[in-house]
Amino acid sequence: MGSGLAQKLSRNGHKVTVIDLDPSAFERLPDSFTGNTVTGIGFDSAILKKAGIERADGVAAVTSSDEANAVIARIASQIFRVPKVVARLYDQRKAEIYKRLGIQTIDPSTWGINRVNDLLCFSQLDTVFSLGSGEVDIVEIEVPPMLVGRTVRDLTVSGEIIITAITRDNKTFLPSLGTEFRRRDTLHITIDVKSGDRLKALLGLS
């Protein structure tokens, strides 16, 4: 996950520094990687300073240890005041504890389970982004015929389902509650993952 994330951020034009205790881990980075590497422990303040944490806009703690990730995240956010900090979390039972500590976590396993479930069940909802630890998804779908002429209000459920944007004639805009759906609209919907079945029912997909 760490090397993949570093590659993606680097390809997107961000300046990236990777820290790892094992120098051989850097071999997972491709020759095209333009960032920096620092050998050391990720929660060592001296190592973090060497990596440039005092100027960092974001830190991702994605080691194989929940405890190490939590320490790195707390140091980054509370000592170095890094604006965006995310920690990988393996044991979901600790999520609430980390939340109380103000640590944003991501659980790839939970996200993966939900995504594989969608694929196996031939879901007609295309998940394009997951937020937090996978509790909230942004999905896309072409408006079903039964909803053409209906309004955003008819598909909105407070705290569960929000029509975030609509793409129409190759242009994307933010709708109002009174915006009417037209044929071939693509709906970008933000949902609580627990409300997936309710959304499918409203879309006539159940």
N, C-alpha and C. Protein backbone atom coordinates (compact mmCIF):
# COMPACT_ATOMS: atom_id res chain seq x y z
N MET A 1 0.83 -1.21 0.00
CA MET A 1 0.00 0.00 0.00
C MET A 1 0.87 1.26 0.00
N GLY A 2 1.94 1.23 0.79
CA GLY A 2 2.80 2.41 0.88
C GLY A 2 3.46 2.75 -0.43
N SER A 3 4.03 1.74 -1.09
CA SER A 3 4.70 2.01 -2.36
C SER A 3 3.70 2.41 -3.44
N GLY A 4 2.53 1.76 -3.43
CA GLY A 4 1.50 2.12 -4.41
C GLY A 4 1.02 3.54 -4.24
N LEU A 5 0.81 3.94 -2.98
CA LEU A 5 0.38 5.31 -2.69
C LEU A 5 1.45 6.32 -3.08
N ALA A 6 2.70 6.00 -2.76
CA ALA A 6 3.80 6.90 -3.11
C ALA A 6 3.89 7.10 -4.62
N GLN A 7 3.72 6.00 -5.37
CA GLN A 7 3.77 6.10 -6.84
C GLN A 7 2.64 6.97 -7.37
N LYS A 8 1.45 6.76 -6.85
CA LYS A 8 0.30 7.51 -7.34
C LYS A 8 0.45 9.00 -7.04
N LEU A 9 0.85 9.33 -5.82
CA LEU A 9 1.03 10.74 -5.45
C LEU A 9 2.12 11.39 -6.30
N SER A 10 3.20 10.65 -6.52
CA SER A 10 4.30 11.17 -7.32
C SER A 10 3.86 11.41 -8.76
N ARG A 11 3.11 10.45 -9.32
CA ARG A 11 2.62 10.62 -10.70
C ARG A 11 1.69 11.81 -10.83
N ASN A 12 1.00 12.12 -9.75
CA ASN A 12 0.06 13.25 -9.77
C ASN A 12 0.75 14.59 -9.50
N GLY A 13 2.08 14.58 -9.43
CA GLY A 13 2.83 15.83 -9.32
C GLY A 13 3.16 16.27 -7.91
N HIS A 14 2.90 15.43 -6.91
CA HIS A 14 3.20 15.79 -5.53
C HIS A 14 4.65 15.43 -5.19
N LYS A 15 5.24 16.20 -4.30
CA LYS A 15 6.58 15.88 -3.81
C LYS A 15 6.43 14.90 -2.65
N VAL A 16 6.99 13.72 -2.80
CA VAL A 16 6.76 12.63 -1.85
C VAL A 16 8.07 12.16 -1.23
N THR A 17 8.04 11.90 0.08
CA THR A 17 9.16 11.27 0.77
C THR A 17 8.66 10.01 1.47
N VAL A 18 9.33 8.90 1.23
CA VAL A 18 8.95 7.62 1.82
C VAL A 18 9.95 7.27 2.92
N ILE A 19 9.41 6.89 4.09
CA ILE A 19 10.24 6.45 5.21
C ILE A 19 10.02 4.96 5.42
N ASP A 20 11.11 4.20 5.58
CA ASP A 20 11.00 2.78 5.91
C ASP A 20 12.26 2.35 6.65
N LEU A 21 12.05 1.47 7.65
CA LEU A 21 13.19 0.97 8.43
C LEU A 21 14.05 0.04 7.60
N ASP A 22 13.43 -0.63 6.63
CA ASP A 22 14.13 -1.59 5.78
C ASP A 22 14.46 -0.96 4.43
N PRO A 23 15.73 -0.69 4.17
CA PRO A 23 16.12 -0.05 2.89
C PRO A 23 15.67 -0.84 1.67
N SER A 24 15.57 -2.17 1.79
CA SER A 24 15.18 -2.98 0.63
C SER A 24 13.73 -2.71 0.22
N ALA A 25 12.95 -2.14 1.13
CA ALA A 25 11.55 -1.83 0.81
C ALA A 25 11.46 -0.81 -0.32
N PHE A 26 12.48 0.03 -0.44
CA PHE A 26 12.45 1.05 -1.48
C PHE A 26 12.55 0.46 -2.88
N GLU A 27 12.95 -0.82 -2.94
CA GLU A 27 13.05 -1.48 -4.24
C GLU A 27 11.67 -1.68 -4.87
N ARG A 28 10.61 -1.56 -4.06
CA ARG A 28 9.26 -1.68 -4.60
C ARG A 28 8.86 -0.43 -5.39
N LEU A 29 9.61 0.65 -5.21
CA LEU A 29 9.32 1.88 -5.96
C LEU A 29 9.89 1.76 -7.37
N PRO A 30 9.16 2.21 -8.37
CA PRO A 30 9.65 2.09 -9.75
C PRO A 30 10.76 3.10 -10.04
N ASP A 31 11.47 2.86 -11.13
CA ASP A 31 12.54 3.78 -11.53
C ASP A 31 11.99 5.17 -11.81
N SER A 32 10.71 5.24 -12.16
CA SER A 32 10.09 6.52 -12.50
C SER A 32 9.74 7.36 -11.26
N PHE A 33 9.87 6.77 -10.06
CA PHE A 33 9.54 7.50 -8.84
C PHE A 33 10.50 8.67 -8.66
N THR A 34 9.94 9.87 -8.50
CA THR A 34 10.77 11.08 -8.44
C THR A 34 10.92 11.62 -7.02
N GLY A 35 10.37 10.91 -6.04
CA GLY A 35 10.43 11.39 -4.66
C GLY A 35 11.72 11.01 -3.95
N ASN A 36 11.72 11.21 -2.64
CA ASN A 36 12.89 10.92 -1.81
C ASN A 36 12.61 9.72 -0.91
N THR A 37 13.66 9.10 -0.43
CA THR A 37 13.54 7.99 0.52
C THR A 37 14.43 8.27 1.73
N VAL A 38 13.93 7.89 2.90
CA VAL A 38 14.67 8.06 4.15
C VAL A 38 14.59 6.75 4.93
N THR A 39 15.73 6.23 5.33
CA THR A 39 15.77 5.00 6.11
C THR A 39 15.70 5.33 7.59
N GLY A 40 14.73 4.72 8.28
CA GLY A 40 14.60 4.96 9.71
C GLY A 40 13.23 4.60 10.23
N ILE A 41 13.02 4.84 11.52
CA ILE A 41 11.75 4.54 12.16
C ILE A 41 10.79 5.71 11.95
N GLY A 42 9.58 5.39 11.53
CA GLY A 42 8.62 6.42 11.14
C GLY A 42 8.14 7.32 12.26
N PHE A 43 8.29 6.90 13.52
CA PHE A 43 7.85 7.77 14.62
C PHE A 43 9.04 8.41 15.36
N ASP A 44 10.21 8.36 14.75
CA ASP A 44 11.39 9.04 15.29
C ASP A 44 11.35 10.49 14.80
N SER A 45 11.27 11.43 15.73
CA SER A 45 11.14 12.85 15.36
C SER A 45 12.28 13.32 14.47
N ALA A 46 13.49 12.84 14.74
CA ALA A 46 14.65 13.25 13.93
C ALA A 46 14.49 12.74 12.49
N ILE A 47 14.00 11.52 12.36
CA ILE A 47 13.79 10.96 11.02
C ILE A 47 12.68 11.72 10.30
N LEU A 48 11.61 12.04 11.03
CA LEU A 48 10.51 12.79 10.43
C LEU A 48 10.98 14.17 9.97
N LYS A 49 11.81 14.81 10.77
CA LYS A 49 12.34 16.13 10.38
C LYS A 49 13.22 16.00 9.14
N LYS A 50 14.03 14.93 9.10
CA LYS A 50 14.89 14.70 7.94
C LYS A 50 14.06 14.51 6.68
N ALA A 51 12.87 13.91 6.86
CA ALA A 51 11.99 13.68 5.72
C ALA A 51 11.22 14.94 5.31
N GLY A 52 11.33 15.99 6.14
CA GLY A 52 10.67 17.25 5.79
C GLY A 52 9.29 17.43 6.36
N ILE A 53 8.99 16.78 7.49
CA ILE A 53 7.64 16.85 8.04
C ILE A 53 7.25 18.27 8.45
N GLU A 54 8.23 19.09 8.77
CA GLU A 54 7.92 20.46 9.19
C GLU A 54 7.35 21.30 8.06
N ARG A 55 7.50 20.81 6.83
CA ARG A 55 6.96 21.52 5.66
C ARG A 55 5.88 20.70 4.96
N ALA A 56 5.50 19.59 5.56
CA ALA A 56 4.58 18.66 4.89
C ALA A 56 3.13 19.13 4.94
N ASP A 57 2.42 18.88 3.86
CA ASP A 57 0.98 19.16 3.80
C ASP A 57 0.16 17.94 4.22
N GLY A 58 0.80 16.75 4.20
CA GLY A 58 0.07 15.55 4.56
C GLY A 58 1.01 14.42 4.95
N VAL A 59 0.51 13.53 5.81
CA VAL A 59 1.27 12.34 6.22
C VAL A 59 0.34 11.14 6.18
N ALA A 60 0.81 10.05 5.57
CA ALA A 60 0.07 8.79 5.57
C ALA A 60 0.90 7.76 6.32
N ALA A 61 0.37 7.26 7.43
CA ALA A 61 1.06 6.23 8.22
C ALA A 61 0.48 4.88 7.83
N VAL A 62 1.22 4.11 7.02
CA VAL A 62 0.69 2.86 6.48
C VAL A 62 1.64 1.69 6.74
N THR A 63 2.24 1.65 7.92
CA THR A 63 3.09 0.52 8.28
C THR A 63 2.22 -0.70 8.57
N SER A 64 2.84 -1.83 8.90
CA SER A 64 2.09 -3.05 9.21
C SER A 64 1.63 -3.10 10.66
N SER A 65 1.89 -2.03 11.43
CA SER A 65 1.53 -1.99 12.85
C SER A 65 0.53 -0.89 13.13
N ASP A 66 -0.64 -1.25 13.68
CA ASP A 66 -1.63 -0.24 14.07
C ASP A 66 -1.05 0.73 15.09
N GLU A 67 -0.31 0.19 16.05
CA GLU A 67 0.24 1.02 17.12
C GLU A 67 1.23 2.04 16.56
N ALA A 68 2.12 1.58 15.67
CA ALA A 68 3.09 2.50 15.06
C ALA A 68 2.39 3.56 14.25
N ASN A 69 1.36 3.17 13.51
CA ASN A 69 0.62 4.13 12.70
C ASN A 69 -0.05 5.18 13.57
N ALA A 70 -0.59 4.75 14.71
CA ALA A 70 -1.24 5.69 15.63
C ALA A 70 -0.24 6.69 16.20
N VAL A 71 0.94 6.20 16.57
CA VAL A 71 1.97 7.09 17.13
C VAL A 71 2.43 8.09 16.07
N ILE A 72 2.68 7.59 14.86
CA ILE A 72 3.12 8.47 13.77
C ILE A 72 2.07 9.54 13.51
N ALA A 73 0.81 9.13 13.47
CA ALA A 73 -0.28 10.07 13.18
C ALA A 73 -0.39 11.13 14.27
N ARG A 74 -0.28 10.73 15.52
CA ARG A 74 -0.39 11.70 16.63
C ARG A 74 0.78 12.68 16.62
N ILE A 75 1.98 12.17 16.37
CA ILE A 75 3.16 13.05 16.30
C ILE A 75 2.99 14.06 15.16
N ALA A 76 2.55 13.56 14.01
CA ALA A 76 2.40 14.43 12.83
C ALA A 76 1.37 15.52 13.08
N SER A 77 0.23 15.14 13.66
CA SER A 77 -0.86 16.10 13.82
C SER A 77 -0.69 17.00 15.04
N GLN A 78 -0.22 16.45 16.16
CA GLN A 78 -0.19 17.23 17.39
C GLN A 78 1.13 17.95 17.64
N ILE A 79 2.23 17.37 17.19
CA ILE A 79 3.53 18.02 17.41
C ILE A 79 3.93 18.89 16.21
N PHE A 80 3.78 18.31 15.00
CA PHE A 80 4.22 19.04 13.81
C PHE A 80 3.08 19.76 13.08
N ARG A 81 1.85 19.58 13.58
CA ARG A 81 0.68 20.29 13.05
C ARG A 81 0.52 20.10 11.54
N VAL A 82 0.73 18.90 11.07
CA VAL A 82 0.51 18.60 9.65
C VAL A 82 -0.99 18.67 9.38
N PRO A 83 -1.42 19.40 8.35
CA PRO A 83 -2.86 19.61 8.10
C PRO A 83 -3.65 18.34 7.85
N LYS A 84 -3.10 17.40 7.08
CA LYS A 84 -3.85 16.18 6.75
C LYS A 84 -3.03 14.95 7.16
N VAL A 85 -3.62 14.14 8.03
CA VAL A 85 -2.94 12.94 8.53
C VAL A 85 -3.90 11.76 8.46
N VAL A 86 -3.44 10.66 7.88
CA VAL A 86 -4.26 9.45 7.78
C VAL A 86 -3.44 8.27 8.25
N ALA A 87 -4.09 7.37 9.02
CA ALA A 87 -3.40 6.17 9.51
C ALA A 87 -4.12 4.92 9.01
N ARG A 88 -3.36 3.96 8.54
CA ARG A 88 -3.94 2.67 8.15
C ARG A 88 -4.29 1.90 9.41
N LEU A 89 -5.45 1.24 9.41
CA LEU A 89 -5.91 0.51 10.59
C LEU A 89 -6.30 -0.91 10.20
N TYR A 90 -5.66 -1.89 10.84
CA TYR A 90 -5.98 -3.28 10.57
C TYR A 90 -7.09 -3.79 11.48
N ASP A 91 -7.00 -3.44 12.76
CA ASP A 91 -7.97 -3.92 13.75
C ASP A 91 -9.09 -2.90 13.89
N GLN A 92 -10.22 -3.15 13.23
CA GLN A 92 -11.32 -2.20 13.21
C GLN A 92 -11.90 -1.95 14.59
N ARG A 93 -11.63 -2.85 15.55
CA ARG A 93 -12.13 -2.66 16.91
C ARG A 93 -11.50 -1.45 17.58
N LYS A 94 -10.36 -1.00 17.05
CA LYS A 94 -9.68 0.16 17.62
C LYS A 94 -10.13 1.48 16.98
N ALA A 95 -10.99 1.39 15.99
CA ALA A 95 -11.37 2.58 15.23
C ALA A 95 -11.94 3.68 16.13
N GLU A 96 -12.81 3.31 17.06
CA GLU A 96 -13.44 4.31 17.92
C GLU A 96 -12.40 4.97 18.84
N ILE A 97 -11.44 4.19 19.32
CA ILE A 97 -10.38 4.74 20.17
C ILE A 97 -9.58 5.77 19.38
N TYR A 98 -9.20 5.40 18.17
CA TYR A 98 -8.41 6.31 17.34
C TYR A 98 -9.20 7.57 17.01
N LYS A 99 -10.50 7.39 16.81
CA LYS A 99 -11.36 8.53 16.49
C LYS A 99 -11.36 9.53 17.64
N ARG A 100 -11.43 9.01 18.87
CA ARG A 100 -11.41 9.90 20.04
C ARG A 100 -10.07 10.62 20.18
N LEU A 101 -9.03 10.01 19.64
CA LEU A 101 -7.71 10.63 19.67
C LEU A 101 -7.53 11.63 18.52
N GLY A 102 -8.56 11.74 17.69
CA GLY A 102 -8.51 12.68 16.57
C GLY A 102 -7.72 12.16 15.39
N ILE A 103 -7.60 10.82 15.27
CA ILE A 103 -6.83 10.22 14.18
C ILE A 103 -7.78 9.71 13.10
N GLN A 104 -7.61 10.21 11.88
CA GLN A 104 -8.38 9.72 10.73
C GLN A 104 -7.79 8.40 10.28
N THR A 105 -8.63 7.36 10.20
CA THR A 105 -8.12 6.04 9.82
C THR A 105 -8.74 5.56 8.52
N ILE A 106 -8.03 4.64 7.87
CA ILE A 106 -8.54 3.99 6.67
C ILE A 106 -8.34 2.49 6.84
N ASP A 107 -9.39 1.73 6.61
CA ASP A 107 -9.33 0.28 6.73
C ASP A 107 -9.50 -0.34 5.34
N PRO A 108 -8.40 -0.68 4.67
CA PRO A 108 -8.49 -1.23 3.31
C PRO A 108 -9.31 -2.52 3.26
N SER A 109 -9.28 -3.30 4.34
CA SER A 109 -10.01 -4.57 4.35
C SER A 109 -11.52 -4.33 4.25
N THR A 110 -12.01 -3.38 5.07
CA THR A 110 -13.45 -3.07 5.05
C THR A 110 -13.87 -2.55 3.69
N TRP A 111 -13.06 -1.63 3.14
CA TRP A 111 -13.37 -1.09 1.82
C TRP A 111 -13.38 -2.21 0.79
N GLY A 112 -12.36 -3.09 0.87
CA GLY A 112 -12.25 -4.17 -0.09
C GLY A 112 -13.42 -5.14 -0.01
N ILE A 113 -13.85 -5.45 1.21
CA ILE A 113 -15.00 -6.35 1.39
C ILE A 113 -16.24 -5.75 0.74
N ASN A 114 -16.49 -4.46 1.00
CA ASN A 114 -17.68 -3.81 0.43
C ASN A 114 -17.61 -3.78 -1.09
N ARG A 115 -16.40 -3.52 -1.62
CA ARG A 115 -16.25 -3.41 -3.07
C ARG A 115 -16.43 -4.77 -3.75
N VAL A 116 -15.81 -5.81 -3.18
CA VAL A 116 -15.94 -7.14 -3.75
C VAL A 116 -17.40 -7.61 -3.68
N ASN A 117 -18.07 -7.30 -2.59
CA ASN A 117 -19.48 -7.63 -2.46
C ASN A 117 -20.29 -7.00 -3.60
N ASP A 118 -20.01 -5.72 -3.88
CA ASP A 118 -20.71 -5.03 -4.97
C ASP A 118 -20.46 -5.72 -6.31
N LEU A 119 -19.19 -6.10 -6.55
CA LEU A 119 -18.84 -6.71 -7.82
C LEU A 119 -19.47 -8.09 -7.97
N LEU A 120 -19.45 -8.87 -6.90
CA LEU A 120 -20.01 -10.21 -6.96
C LEU A 120 -21.52 -10.18 -7.13
N CYS A 121 -22.14 -9.16 -6.56
CA CYS A 121 -23.60 -9.05 -6.64
C CYS A 121 -24.05 -8.28 -7.87
N PHE A 122 -23.11 -7.98 -8.77
CA PHE A 122 -23.43 -7.27 -10.01
C PHE A 122 -24.15 -5.95 -9.73
N SER A 123 -23.62 -5.20 -8.76
CA SER A 123 -24.25 -3.94 -8.40
C SER A 123 -24.26 -2.99 -9.59
N GLN A 124 -25.38 -2.31 -9.78
CA GLN A 124 -25.48 -1.33 -10.86
C GLN A 124 -24.96 0.04 -10.40
N LEU A 125 -24.54 0.12 -9.15
CA LEU A 125 -23.97 1.36 -8.63
C LEU A 125 -22.45 1.28 -8.75
N ASP A 126 -21.85 2.26 -9.38
CA ASP A 126 -20.41 2.29 -9.57
C ASP A 126 -19.78 3.14 -8.47
N THR A 127 -19.09 2.49 -7.53
CA THR A 127 -18.44 3.22 -6.44
C THR A 127 -17.16 3.85 -6.97
N VAL A 128 -17.10 5.18 -6.93
CA VAL A 128 -15.92 5.88 -7.47
C VAL A 128 -14.99 6.37 -6.38
N PHE A 129 -15.49 6.43 -5.13
CA PHE A 129 -14.65 6.94 -4.05
C PHE A 129 -15.24 6.53 -2.71
N SER A 130 -14.38 6.17 -1.77
CA SER A 130 -14.82 5.86 -0.41
C SER A 130 -14.18 6.86 0.55
N LEU A 131 -14.95 7.31 1.52
CA LEU A 131 -14.48 8.30 2.48
C LEU A 131 -14.32 7.68 3.87
N GLY A 132 -13.43 8.31 4.67
CA GLY A 132 -13.20 7.80 6.01
C GLY A 132 -12.62 6.41 5.94
N SER A 133 -13.18 5.49 6.71
CA SER A 133 -12.73 4.10 6.71
C SER A 133 -13.68 3.23 5.90
N GLY A 134 -14.37 3.83 4.96
CA GLY A 134 -15.28 3.10 4.11
C GLY A 134 -16.72 3.21 4.53
N GLU A 135 -17.03 4.14 5.48
CA GLU A 135 -18.41 4.28 5.95
C GLU A 135 -19.28 5.05 4.96
N VAL A 136 -18.65 5.88 4.14
CA VAL A 136 -19.38 6.71 3.18
C VAL A 136 -18.79 6.49 1.78
N ASP A 137 -19.66 6.27 0.81
CA ASP A 137 -19.23 6.08 -0.58
C ASP A 137 -19.81 7.17 -1.46
N ILE A 138 -19.09 7.47 -2.54
CA ILE A 138 -19.63 8.29 -3.61
C ILE A 138 -19.83 7.35 -4.80
N VAL A 139 -21.08 7.24 -5.26
CA VAL A 139 -21.39 6.30 -6.34
C VAL A 139 -21.94 7.07 -7.54
N GLU A 140 -21.86 6.43 -8.69
CA GLU A 140 -22.38 7.02 -9.92
C GLU A 140 -23.36 6.05 -10.56
N ILE A 141 -24.38 6.59 -11.20
CA ILE A 141 -25.33 5.78 -11.94
C ILE A 141 -26.07 6.66 -12.93
N GLU A 142 -26.37 6.11 -14.10
CA GLU A 142 -27.23 6.84 -15.04
C GLU A 142 -28.65 6.82 -14.50
N VAL A 143 -29.32 7.96 -14.56
CA VAL A 143 -30.65 8.06 -13.96
C VAL A 143 -31.59 7.01 -14.58
N PRO A 144 -32.26 6.22 -13.75
CA PRO A 144 -33.20 5.22 -14.27
C PRO A 144 -34.41 5.91 -14.92
N PRO A 145 -35.01 5.30 -15.94
CA PRO A 145 -36.17 5.91 -16.62
C PRO A 145 -37.28 6.32 -15.68
N MET A 146 -37.50 5.53 -14.60
CA MET A 146 -38.60 5.82 -13.69
C MET A 146 -38.41 7.14 -12.93
N LEU A 147 -37.15 7.66 -12.91
CA LEU A 147 -36.89 8.90 -12.18
C LEU A 147 -36.83 10.13 -13.08
N VAL A 148 -36.86 9.94 -14.38
CA VAL A 148 -36.84 11.08 -15.29
C VAL A 148 -38.07 11.96 -15.02
N GLY A 149 -37.82 13.25 -14.81
CA GLY A 149 -38.91 14.17 -14.50
C GLY A 149 -39.12 14.35 -13.00
N ARG A 150 -38.57 13.44 -12.19
CA ARG A 150 -38.63 13.59 -10.74
C ARG A 150 -37.54 14.56 -10.30
N THR A 151 -37.53 14.95 -9.04
CA THR A 151 -36.56 15.93 -8.57
C THR A 151 -35.55 15.33 -7.60
N VAL A 152 -34.48 16.08 -7.37
CA VAL A 152 -33.45 15.67 -6.41
C VAL A 152 -34.07 15.42 -5.04
N ARG A 153 -35.05 16.21 -4.69
CA ARG A 153 -35.71 16.06 -3.38
C ARG A 153 -36.28 14.66 -3.21
N ASP A 154 -36.77 14.06 -4.30
CA ASP A 154 -37.39 12.74 -4.23
C ASP A 154 -36.38 11.63 -3.92
N LEU A 155 -35.10 11.91 -4.14
CA LEU A 155 -34.07 10.90 -3.95
C LEU A 155 -33.16 11.21 -2.76
N THR A 156 -33.47 12.30 -2.06
CA THR A 156 -32.64 12.72 -0.93
C THR A 156 -33.21 12.20 0.38
N VAL A 157 -32.33 11.59 1.18
CA VAL A 157 -32.70 11.13 2.52
C VAL A 157 -31.69 11.75 3.48
N SER A 158 -32.12 12.66 4.31
CA SER A 158 -31.22 13.40 5.20
C SER A 158 -30.36 12.45 6.03
N GLY A 159 -29.05 12.70 5.98
CA GLY A 159 -28.11 11.89 6.75
C GLY A 159 -27.79 10.55 6.15
N GLU A 160 -28.40 10.21 5.00
CA GLU A 160 -28.16 8.90 4.39
C GLU A 160 -27.81 8.98 2.91
N ILE A 161 -28.57 9.77 2.16
CA ILE A 161 -28.42 9.81 0.70
C ILE A 161 -28.48 11.25 0.22
N ILE A 162 -27.44 11.70 -0.47
CA ILE A 162 -27.38 13.08 -0.98
C ILE A 162 -26.95 13.05 -2.45
N ILE A 163 -27.69 13.73 -3.30
CA ILE A 163 -27.29 13.88 -4.71
C ILE A 163 -26.24 14.99 -4.74
N THR A 164 -24.98 14.60 -4.84
CA THR A 164 -23.88 15.56 -4.74
C THR A 164 -23.73 16.38 -6.01
N ALA A 165 -23.87 15.73 -7.16
CA ALA A 165 -23.70 16.43 -8.45
C ALA A 165 -24.41 15.65 -9.54
N ILE A 166 -24.64 16.33 -10.66
CA ILE A 166 -25.25 15.71 -11.83
C ILE A 166 -24.39 16.07 -13.05
N THR A 167 -24.10 15.06 -13.88
CA THR A 167 -23.42 15.32 -15.14
C THR A 167 -24.45 15.22 -16.26
N ARG A 168 -24.56 16.31 -17.03
CA ARG A 168 -25.56 16.40 -18.11
C ARG A 168 -24.91 17.06 -19.32
N ASP A 169 -24.98 16.42 -20.46
CA ASP A 169 -24.39 16.97 -21.69
C ASP A 169 -22.91 17.31 -21.49
N ASN A 170 -22.20 16.40 -20.82
CA ASN A 170 -20.75 16.53 -20.60
C ASN A 170 -20.37 17.67 -19.67
N LYS A 171 -21.33 18.18 -18.92
CA LYS A 171 -21.05 19.22 -17.92
C LYS A 171 -21.57 18.77 -16.57
N THR A 172 -20.78 18.99 -15.52
CA THR A 172 -21.18 18.58 -14.18
C THR A 172 -21.53 19.81 -13.35
N PHE A 173 -22.64 19.72 -12.62
CA PHE A 173 -23.07 20.87 -11.81
C PHE A 173 -23.65 20.38 -10.49
N LEU A 174 -23.75 21.31 -9.53
CA LEU A 174 -24.34 21.02 -8.23
C LEU A 174 -25.83 21.33 -8.30
N PRO A 175 -26.67 20.35 -8.05
CA PRO A 175 -28.11 20.57 -8.19
C PRO A 175 -28.73 21.16 -6.93
N SER A 176 -29.91 21.72 -7.08
CA SER A 176 -30.73 22.12 -5.94
C SER A 176 -31.74 21.01 -5.68
N LEU A 177 -32.47 21.09 -4.59
CA LEU A 177 -33.46 20.06 -4.29
C LEU A 177 -34.56 20.01 -5.35
N GLY A 178 -34.76 21.14 -6.05
CA GLY A 178 -35.81 21.19 -7.06
C GLY A 178 -35.35 20.82 -8.46
N THR A 179 -34.07 20.51 -8.62
CA THR A 179 -33.56 20.14 -9.95
C THR A 179 -34.23 18.86 -10.44
N GLU A 180 -34.73 18.88 -11.68
CA GLU A 180 -35.38 17.70 -12.25
C GLU A 180 -34.36 16.82 -12.97
N PHE A 181 -34.53 15.52 -12.84
CA PHE A 181 -33.68 14.58 -13.55
C PHE A 181 -34.11 14.49 -15.01
N ARG A 182 -33.11 14.43 -15.90
CA ARG A 182 -33.38 14.27 -17.32
C ARG A 182 -32.77 12.97 -17.81
N ARG A 183 -33.30 12.50 -18.93
CA ARG A 183 -32.79 11.26 -19.52
C ARG A 183 -31.29 11.39 -19.80
N ARG A 184 -30.56 10.35 -19.47
CA ARG A 184 -29.11 10.25 -19.66
C ARG A 184 -28.30 11.06 -18.66
N ASP A 185 -28.92 11.65 -17.66
CA ASP A 185 -28.16 12.27 -16.57
C ASP A 185 -27.33 11.21 -15.85
N THR A 186 -26.12 11.57 -15.47
CA THR A 186 -25.33 10.72 -14.57
C THR A 186 -25.39 11.33 -13.18
N LEU A 187 -25.86 10.55 -12.22
CA LEU A 187 -26.00 11.04 -10.85
C LEU A 187 -24.77 10.65 -10.04
N HIS A 188 -24.24 11.61 -9.31
CA HIS A 188 -23.13 11.37 -8.38
C HIS A 188 -23.73 11.47 -6.98
N ILE A 189 -23.79 10.34 -6.30
CA ILE A 189 -24.55 10.25 -5.05
C ILE A 189 -23.63 9.90 -3.90
N THR A 190 -23.74 10.65 -2.80
CA THR A 190 -23.01 10.35 -1.58
C THR A 190 -23.94 9.60 -0.64
N ILE A 191 -23.51 8.41 -0.19
CA ILE A 191 -24.38 7.61 0.66
C ILE A 191 -23.64 7.05 1.86
N ASP A 192 -24.38 6.87 2.94
CA ASP A 192 -23.92 6.05 4.06
C ASP A 192 -24.00 4.61 3.56
N VAL A 193 -22.90 3.85 3.68
CA VAL A 193 -22.88 2.51 3.08
C VAL A 193 -24.00 1.62 3.64
N LYS A 194 -24.44 1.92 4.85
CA LYS A 194 -25.53 1.13 5.44
C LYS A 194 -26.86 1.40 4.73
N SER A 195 -26.91 2.46 3.94
CA SER A 195 -28.15 2.84 3.24
C SER A 195 -28.16 2.39 1.79
N GLY A 196 -27.22 1.50 1.43
CA GLY A 196 -27.13 1.05 0.04
C GLY A 196 -28.41 0.41 -0.46
N ASP A 197 -29.01 -0.45 0.36
CA ASP A 197 -30.25 -1.11 -0.07
C ASP A 197 -31.39 -0.11 -0.23
N ARG A 198 -31.41 0.90 0.65
CA ARG A 198 -32.47 1.92 0.55
C ARG A 198 -32.31 2.72 -0.74
N LEU A 199 -31.07 3.04 -1.10
CA LEU A 199 -30.84 3.78 -2.34
C LEU A 199 -31.27 2.94 -3.53
N LYS A 200 -30.91 1.65 -3.53
CA LYS A 200 -31.29 0.79 -4.64
C LYS A 200 -32.80 0.72 -4.79
N ALA A 201 -33.51 0.70 -3.65
CA ALA A 201 -34.97 0.67 -3.71
C ALA A 201 -35.51 1.95 -4.33
N LEU A 202 -34.94 3.11 -3.94
CA LEU A 202 -35.39 4.38 -4.49
C LEU A 202 -35.09 4.47 -5.99
N LEU A 203 -34.02 3.81 -6.42
CA LEU A 203 -33.64 3.83 -7.84
C LEU A 203 -34.35 2.74 -8.64
N GLY A 204 -35.12 1.90 -7.93
CA GLY A 204 -35.82 0.82 -8.62
C GLY A 204 -34.90 -0.32 -8.99
N LEU A 205 -33.79 -0.51 -8.23
CA LEU A 205 -32.83 -1.55 -8.55
C LEU A 205 -32.98 -2.78 -7.67
N SER A 206 -33.85 -2.73 -6.67
CA SER A 206 -33.97 -3.86 -5.74
C SER A 206 -34.52 -5.09 -6.46
